[in-house]
Protein backbone atom coordinates (compact mmCIF):
# COMPACT_ATOMS: atom_id res chain seq x y z
CA MET A 1 -19.93 14.90 -14.45
CA SER A 2 -17.37 16.02 -16.98
CA PRO A 3 -17.08 19.82 -17.02
CA GLN A 4 -16.34 19.66 -20.77
CA THR A 5 -19.17 17.45 -22.04
CA GLY A 6 -21.78 17.27 -19.28
CA THR A 7 -21.59 13.46 -19.48
CA PRO A 8 -20.30 11.15 -16.73
CA LEU A 9 -16.59 11.61 -16.05
CA SER A 10 -14.47 8.73 -17.38
CA VAL A 11 -11.39 7.49 -15.50
CA ILE A 12 -9.05 4.58 -16.15
CA HIS A 13 -6.71 3.49 -13.35
CA VAL A 14 -3.37 2.02 -14.40
CA LEU A 15 -1.20 -0.09 -12.08
CA ARG A 16 1.22 -2.96 -12.35
CA THR A 17 0.78 -5.68 -9.74
CA PRO A 18 -2.72 -6.48 -8.43
CA VAL A 19 -1.54 -7.18 -4.86
CA GLY A 20 -1.02 -5.26 -1.63
CA GLY A 21 -2.09 -1.85 -0.45
CA LEU A 22 -1.76 -0.15 -3.84
CA PHE A 23 -4.17 -2.69 -5.37
CA ARG A 24 -6.57 -2.26 -2.51
CA HIS A 25 -6.42 1.53 -2.99
CA VAL A 26 -7.30 1.26 -6.68
CA CYS A 27 -10.17 -1.15 -5.99
CA ASP A 28 -11.64 1.02 -3.23
CA LEU A 29 -11.28 4.18 -5.31
CA ALA A 30 -12.77 2.59 -8.42
CA LYS A 31 -15.80 1.29 -6.50
CA ALA A 32 -16.43 4.59 -4.72
CA GLN A 33 -16.01 6.60 -7.92
CA SER A 34 -18.44 4.29 -9.69
CA GLU A 35 -20.99 4.89 -6.93
CA LEU A 36 -20.64 8.62 -7.65
CA GLY A 37 -21.66 8.00 -11.27
CA ILE A 38 -18.15 8.09 -12.74
CA HIS A 39 -17.34 5.61 -15.51
CA VAL A 40 -14.29 3.64 -14.38
CA GLY A 41 -11.85 1.16 -15.92
CA VAL A 42 -8.70 -0.65 -14.74
CA PHE A 43 -5.53 -1.78 -16.55
CA CYS A 44 -3.06 -4.05 -14.71
CA ASP A 45 -0.62 -6.97 -15.00
CA SER A 46 -1.91 -10.39 -16.06
CA THR A 47 0.97 -12.49 -14.72
CA SER A 48 0.80 -11.72 -10.98
CA GLY A 49 -1.70 -11.67 -8.16
CA GLY A 50 -2.82 -15.27 -8.47
CA GLU A 51 -6.30 -16.53 -7.65
CA ASN A 52 -6.87 -13.84 -5.03
CA ALA A 53 -6.42 -11.06 -7.62
CA ASP A 54 -8.62 -12.95 -10.09
CA HIS A 55 -11.39 -13.16 -7.50
CA ILE A 56 -11.13 -9.48 -6.51
CA LEU A 57 -11.05 -8.27 -10.11
CA LYS A 58 -14.07 -10.42 -10.95
CA ASP A 59 -16.01 -8.67 -8.17
CA LEU A 60 -14.66 -5.27 -9.26
CA GLN A 61 -15.89 -5.85 -12.82
CA HIS A 62 -19.41 -4.96 -11.67
CA PHE A 63 -18.25 -1.40 -10.91
CA CYS A 64 -16.13 -0.88 -14.04
CA LYS A 65 -18.24 0.36 -16.94
CA LEU A 66 -15.03 0.84 -18.92
CA GLY A 67 -13.97 -2.74 -18.20
CA ILE A 68 -10.86 -4.37 -16.76
CA HIS A 69 -7.98 -5.11 -19.12
CA ARG A 70 -4.87 -7.11 -18.24
CA ALA A 71 -1.57 -7.62 -20.06
CA PRO A 72 1.92 -8.82 -19.04
CA ILE A 73 3.82 -6.02 -17.25
CA GLY A 74 7.34 -6.57 -15.92
CA ARG A 75 8.54 -5.17 -12.59
CA LEU A 76 11.61 -3.44 -14.03
CA PRO A 77 11.84 -1.29 -17.18
CA GLY A 78 12.52 -3.39 -20.27
CA ILE A 79 11.58 -4.30 -23.82
CA GLY A 80 8.38 -5.90 -22.53
CA ASP A 81 7.04 -2.44 -21.69
CA LEU A 82 6.62 -1.73 -25.41
CA ALA A 83 4.16 -4.59 -25.76
CA ALA A 84 2.32 -3.58 -22.57
CA LEU A 85 2.04 0.03 -23.77
CA LYS A 86 0.67 -1.23 -27.09
CA HIS A 87 -2.02 -3.20 -25.21
CA LEU A 88 -2.86 -0.16 -23.11
CA ARG A 89 -3.03 2.21 -26.09
CA LYS A 90 -5.43 -0.15 -27.88
CA TYR A 91 -7.63 -0.25 -24.76
CA LEU A 92 -7.55 3.54 -24.44
CA ASN A 93 -8.20 4.26 -28.12
CA LYS A 94 -11.54 2.44 -27.88
CA LEU A 95 -12.65 4.25 -24.72
CA ARG A 96 -11.01 7.69 -24.87
CA PRO A 97 -11.20 8.41 -21.12
CA GLU A 98 -10.86 11.96 -19.89
CA ILE A 99 -8.55 10.96 -17.04
CA LEU A 100 -5.75 8.42 -16.92
CA HIS A 101 -4.70 7.84 -13.30
CA GLY A 102 -1.43 5.94 -12.85
CA HIS A 103 -0.54 4.27 -9.55
CA GLY A 104 2.99 3.30 -8.51
CA ALA A 105 6.13 3.78 -10.59
CA LYS A 106 5.14 1.59 -13.55
CA GLY A 107 1.46 2.57 -13.64
CA GLY A 108 2.42 6.21 -13.28
CA ALA A 109 4.88 5.96 -16.17
CA TYR A 110 2.35 4.33 -18.49
CA ALA A 111 -0.38 6.85 -17.69
CA ARG A 112 1.89 9.81 -18.31
CA LEU A 113 3.47 8.41 -21.47
CA LEU A 114 0.08 7.87 -23.14
CA GLY A 115 -2.30 10.32 -21.49
CA HIS A 116 -1.80 13.40 -23.63
CA SER A 117 -1.59 11.39 -26.86
CA ILE A 118 -5.24 10.31 -26.43
CA GLY A 119 -6.40 13.69 -25.11
CA ALA A 120 -6.63 12.62 -21.45
CA LYS A 121 -5.37 14.37 -18.34
CA SER A 122 -2.60 12.37 -16.63
CA PHE A 123 -2.68 11.93 -12.86
CA TYR A 124 -0.11 10.08 -10.75
CA THR A 125 -0.05 8.63 -7.24
CA PRO A 126 3.44 7.34 -6.29
CA HIS A 127 2.51 4.92 -3.44
CA GLY A 128 6.20 4.90 -2.52
CA GLY A 129 7.53 3.25 -5.68
CA SER A 130 10.50 5.14 -7.11
CA LEU A 131 10.58 7.37 -4.02
CA HIS A 132 12.02 4.49 -1.97
CA TYR A 133 15.23 4.64 -4.00
CA SER A 134 18.30 6.75 -3.29
CA ALA A 135 19.93 8.81 -6.03
CA THR A 136 23.30 7.51 -4.81
CA SER A 137 22.63 4.09 -6.39
CA LEU A 138 22.67 3.60 -10.17
CA THR A 139 19.15 2.13 -10.17
CA GLY A 140 17.86 4.93 -7.97
CA PHE A 141 19.53 7.59 -10.11
CA ILE A 142 17.87 6.20 -13.24
CA PHE A 143 14.43 5.84 -11.65
CA LEU A 144 14.47 9.32 -10.12
CA LYS A 145 15.70 10.85 -13.38
CA LEU A 146 12.81 9.17 -15.19
CA GLU A 147 10.41 10.58 -12.57
CA HIS A 148 11.80 14.07 -13.25
CA LEU A 149 11.30 13.67 -17.00
CA LEU A 150 7.78 12.28 -16.59
CA SER A 151 6.76 15.17 -14.32
CA ARG A 152 6.61 17.30 -17.48
CA ARG A 153 3.84 15.07 -18.81
CA THR A 154 1.83 15.13 -15.56
CA ASP A 155 -1.31 17.19 -14.98
CA GLY A 156 -1.71 16.34 -11.30
CA ILE A 157 0.09 14.40 -8.57
CA ILE A 158 -1.76 12.94 -5.58
CA PHE A 159 0.51 12.18 -2.65
CA GLU A 160 -0.88 9.65 -0.18
CA SER A 161 1.04 11.29 2.68
CA GLU A 162 2.85 14.49 3.60
CA PHE A 163 5.97 12.34 3.85
CA SER A 164 5.58 11.21 0.23
CA GLN A 165 5.23 14.79 -0.94
CA LYS A 166 8.32 15.95 0.97
CA THR A 167 10.31 12.99 -0.39
CA TYR A 168 9.26 13.80 -3.96
CA LEU A 169 10.21 17.46 -3.57
CA SER A 170 13.63 16.61 -2.09
CA LYS A 171 14.54 13.84 -4.55
CA ILE A 172 12.90 15.02 -7.77
CA GLY A 173 12.08 18.69 -7.31
CA ASP A 174 9.01 20.88 -7.43
CA PRO A 175 6.77 19.69 -10.29
CA SER A 176 5.17 22.27 -12.54
CA CYS A 177 1.81 20.50 -12.27
CA ALA A 178 -0.85 20.70 -9.58
CA ARG A 179 -0.35 18.53 -6.51
CA ARG A 180 -2.31 17.56 -3.41
CA VAL A 181 -1.96 15.32 -0.35
CA ILE A 182 -4.91 12.93 -0.03
CA HIS A 183 -4.52 10.26 2.63
CA ASN A 184 -5.60 6.68 2.00
CA GLY A 185 -8.90 5.69 3.56
CA ILE A 186 -10.70 2.49 4.50
CA GLY A 187 -14.36 1.46 4.53
CA ASP A 188 -16.91 0.76 7.23
CA GLU A 189 -16.50 -2.99 6.64
CA ASP A 190 -12.94 -2.77 8.03
CA PHE A 191 -14.25 -1.87 11.48
CA ARG A 192 -15.26 -5.34 12.55
CA GLN A 193 -15.13 -7.61 15.57
CA LEU A 194 -12.39 -10.22 15.15
CA THR A 195 -12.88 -13.93 15.74
CA PRO A 196 -9.54 -15.24 17.07
CA HIS A 197 -8.00 -18.20 15.26
CA LYS A 198 -7.76 -21.40 17.28
CA ASN A 199 -3.96 -21.09 17.18
CA THR A 200 -3.75 -17.37 17.90
CA SER A 201 -0.19 -16.13 18.51
CA ASP A 202 0.95 -13.30 20.75
CA PHE A 203 1.90 -11.29 17.65
CA VAL A 204 1.13 -11.33 13.94
CA PHE A 205 2.95 -9.84 10.96
CA ILE A 206 0.97 -9.34 7.74
CA GLY A 207 2.60 -8.22 4.53
CA GLU A 208 4.85 -9.05 1.61
CA LEU A 209 7.82 -11.19 2.58
CA ARG A 210 10.74 -9.02 1.45
CA GLN A 211 13.62 -7.25 3.14
CA LEU A 212 11.92 -3.86 2.94
CA LYS A 213 9.27 -5.05 5.40
CA GLY A 214 11.80 -5.89 8.15
CA VAL A 215 10.71 -9.47 8.76
CA ASP A 216 14.35 -10.39 9.49
CA ILE A 217 14.44 -7.71 12.21
CA LEU A 218 11.31 -9.23 13.76
CA LEU A 219 12.82 -12.71 13.73
CA HIS A 220 16.01 -11.52 15.43
CA ALA A 221 13.95 -9.63 18.05
CA LEU A 222 11.92 -12.77 18.77
CA ALA A 223 15.15 -14.73 19.13
CA LYS A 224 16.39 -12.23 21.77
CA LEU A 225 13.25 -12.94 23.83
CA LYS A 226 13.28 -16.71 23.37
CA GLU A 227 15.17 -17.52 26.57
CA THR A 228 13.47 -14.83 28.70
CA PRO A 229 10.19 -14.83 30.68
CA GLN A 230 8.75 -12.80 27.77
CA HIS A 231 9.14 -15.73 25.37
CA CYS A 232 6.38 -15.17 22.82
CA THR A 233 4.89 -16.62 19.64
CA CYS A 234 4.36 -14.98 16.27
CA THR A 235 2.53 -15.82 13.05
CA ILE A 236 3.93 -14.50 9.76
CA VAL A 237 1.15 -13.99 7.21
CA GLY A 238 2.14 -13.30 3.62
CA ASP A 239 4.29 -14.41 0.75
CA GLY A 240 7.02 -12.83 -1.33
CA PRO A 241 10.48 -13.07 -2.87
CA ASP A 242 12.33 -13.41 0.45
CA GLY A 243 9.95 -15.90 2.03
CA ASP A 244 12.31 -18.87 1.79
CA ALA A 245 15.18 -16.83 3.24
CA PHE A 246 13.03 -15.80 6.22
CA ARG A 247 11.94 -19.39 6.87
CA GLN A 248 15.57 -20.48 6.83
CA LEU A 249 16.54 -17.64 9.18
CA ALA A 250 13.79 -18.67 11.62
CA LEU A 251 15.21 -22.20 11.72
CA GLU A 252 18.77 -20.94 12.19
CA LEU A 253 17.61 -18.78 15.11
CA GLY A 254 15.88 -21.73 16.75
CA LEU A 255 12.39 -20.31 16.29
CA GLY A 256 10.79 -23.47 14.97
CA ASP A 257 8.38 -23.66 17.94
CA THR A 258 7.91 -19.88 18.16
CA VAL A 259 7.19 -18.66 14.62
CA TYR A 260 4.54 -20.02 12.27
CA PHE A 261 4.51 -19.08 8.57
CA ALA A 262 0.84 -19.12 7.54
CA GLY A 263 1.28 -18.19 3.86
CA PHE A 264 -0.79 -15.59 2.05
CA LYS A 265 -4.17 -14.70 3.52
CA PRO A 266 -6.34 -11.58 3.20
CA ALA A 267 -5.58 -9.11 5.99
CA SER A 268 -9.10 -9.48 7.35
CA GLU A 269 -8.35 -13.16 7.98
CA GLY A 270 -4.72 -12.64 8.97
CA PHE A 271 -5.60 -10.38 11.90
CA SER A 272 -7.24 -13.31 13.69
CA TYR A 273 -3.84 -15.03 13.94
CA GLY A 274 -2.41 -12.62 16.51
CA ARG A 275 -3.35 -10.56 19.56
CA GLN A 276 -1.12 -7.66 18.49
CA LEU A 277 0.09 -6.52 15.07
CA VAL A 278 3.81 -6.00 14.35
CA ILE A 279 4.92 -4.13 11.21
CA PRO A 280 8.71 -3.55 11.51
CA SER A 281 9.17 -1.92 8.09
CA ARG A 282 12.35 -0.30 6.83
CA ALA A 283 10.31 1.88 4.45
CA GLU A 284 6.63 2.56 3.79
CA SER A 285 4.44 5.14 2.14
CA PHE A 286 1.03 5.28 3.87
CA PRO A 287 0.37 1.62 4.63
CA TYR A 288 -3.13 0.22 4.56
CA ILE A 289 -2.13 -2.58 6.93
CA ILE A 290 -1.70 -0.02 9.74
CA LEU A 291 -5.13 1.50 9.03
CA GLU A 292 -6.73 -1.94 8.85
CA GLY A 293 -5.04 -3.14 12.03
CA ALA A 294 -6.20 -0.05 13.90
CA ALA A 295 -9.73 -0.50 12.55
CA ALA A 296 -9.68 -4.09 13.81
CA ASN A 297 -8.75 -2.78 17.29
CA LEU A 298 -5.42 -4.59 17.36
CA PRO A 299 -2.55 -2.91 19.23
CA VAL A 300 -0.03 -1.92 16.55
CA ILE A 301 3.76 -2.03 17.04
CA THR A 302 5.49 -0.39 14.10
CA THR A 303 8.32 1.86 12.95
CA ASN A 304 8.60 5.59 12.29
CA VAL A 305 8.96 5.39 8.52
CA GLY A 306 7.02 6.94 5.65
CA GLY A 307 3.67 8.44 6.59
CA ILE A 308 3.02 6.16 9.58
CA ALA A 309 3.51 9.09 11.99
CA GLU A 310 0.64 10.86 10.21
CA ILE A 311 -1.62 7.91 11.04
CA PHE A 312 -0.57 7.85 14.71
CA GLY A 313 -0.85 11.62 15.25
CA ASP A 314 -0.30 12.44 18.95
CA GLN A 315 0.88 8.85 19.53
CA ALA A 316 3.71 9.13 17.00
CA ASP A 317 6.28 9.18 19.81
CA LEU A 318 5.42 5.49 20.37
CA LEU A 319 6.86 4.56 16.97
CA LEU A 320 10.15 2.65 16.84
CA PRO A 321 13.33 3.37 14.91
CA SER A 322 13.63 1.11 11.87
CA ASP A 323 16.30 -1.56 11.50
CA ASN A 324 16.74 -1.76 15.29
CA ILE A 325 16.51 -5.27 16.77
CA THR A 326 16.91 -4.15 20.38
CA ALA A 327 14.22 -1.48 20.16
CA LEU A 328 11.76 -3.95 18.64
CA ALA A 329 12.59 -6.63 21.22
CA ASP A 330 12.01 -4.11 24.02
CA ALA A 331 8.68 -3.09 22.48
CA LEU A 332 7.55 -6.72 22.24
CA LYS A 333 8.58 -7.28 25.85
CA PHE A 334 6.62 -4.21 26.98
CA ALA A 335 3.58 -5.36 25.01
CA MET A 336 3.68 -8.79 26.67
CA ASN A 337 3.94 -7.25 30.14
CA ASN A 338 1.39 -4.42 29.67
CA PRO A 339 -1.67 -5.68 27.76
CA ASP A 340 -4.01 -3.09 29.32
CA GLU A 341 -1.80 -0.20 28.23
CA MET A 342 -1.56 -1.64 24.72
CA ASN A 343 -5.33 -1.93 24.52
CA LEU A 344 -5.75 1.71 25.57
CA ARG A 345 -3.34 2.75 22.82
CA SER A 346 -5.24 0.68 20.27
CA GLN A 347 -8.56 2.30 21.22
CA THR A 348 -7.09 5.77 20.72
CA LEU A 349 -5.68 4.85 17.32
CA HIS A 350 -8.96 3.13 16.36
CA ARG A 351 -10.92 6.34 16.98
CA ARG A 352 -8.42 8.47 15.04
CA VAL A 353 -8.50 6.18 12.00
CA LYS A 354 -12.31 6.01 12.05
CA ASP A 355 -12.60 9.82 12.14
CA LEU A 356 -9.91 10.81 9.63
CA PHE A 357 -9.05 8.04 7.20
CA ASN A 358 -12.14 6.77 5.41
CA VAL A 359 -12.75 5.96 1.77
CA GLN A 360 -15.49 8.57 1.35
CA ILE A 361 -13.15 11.42 2.33
CA MET A 362 -10.42 9.99 0.08
CA THR A 363 -12.70 9.62 -2.94
CA LYS A 364 -14.35 13.04 -2.67
CA ALA A 365 -10.97 14.74 -2.36
CA THR A 366 -9.65 12.83 -5.39
CA VAL A 367 -12.63 13.71 -7.59
CA ASP A 368 -12.47 17.34 -6.45
CA PHE A 369 -8.80 17.39 -7.44
CA TYR A 370 -9.59 15.96 -10.87
CA SER A 371 -12.16 18.73 -11.35
CA SER A 372 -9.79 21.48 -10.21
CA VAL A 373 -7.26 20.37 -12.84
């Protein structure tokens, strides 16, 4: 309930692209908040996400008493943002929510630019976003400077990992607003028994096909093993801007009979394409795909970037350096030769994720933080 009016608390979540872990986070949070009696709405881009986003948002509509509104939102700052902000302001003026919660760089900017003008408190969850950039590049300098300016219009920042908080403090500085670390969480439905696909590979990658995710590193590592007794197969699940480049690289490396590109599929379906999950990212925040893979009891081979070490806990020393073909090839070789050890590791991680990273803990902590602000 709202401490000011005694009526149900009203929250609108603002994000750009309805895909990936950030989108999943907003959907899970909106549903769980609705089940607590909070009135929830969502504002996001209308030009991305495809049929999968349309289907998910249609199901989410049932939980959103404040509705779901979509408008064109570009990835980079530009003149189109003025039109998107006009759409959002019109949506907000009708509903007058008490809380505007922005997710990611663009969603966070919109929420903080408009929040106070409609009398709402502005909350922000980075989900990586601008924090992936370095101030040494022109783009990074601009984005981080904008983050610094927007911090003055922020009532509360929720960091999805300790790593994200430390990165914000080092790159942007200590904000004057309240802040809290609240880890992402997953639901009971994620802890399921997998049915292997008929063409199950030794390994599976699931994620957006872009350089940041290290798919090229995985392909080079697989190529190193191609002529060895540890020759293995891998399915790449996902789509993205660098998909064509990765398919071409696989052909150039002679991986035509080793690597299968399955296209986009929900993670729950993608897990059935491999016996072990490989996420060789160059950068992450607090990735859902690691939580979901652990929940599905798949052994997870991944890098020590972002908040992944916080997920692994005492097993963090098993994480690999990023951008290292040899280290990844060695890890794949070990996994092929030691399936029992990999299964023991997966069971340990499964228990940790089940105990610590669930959507109920995440939602309660978020609502408590709203109330404290």
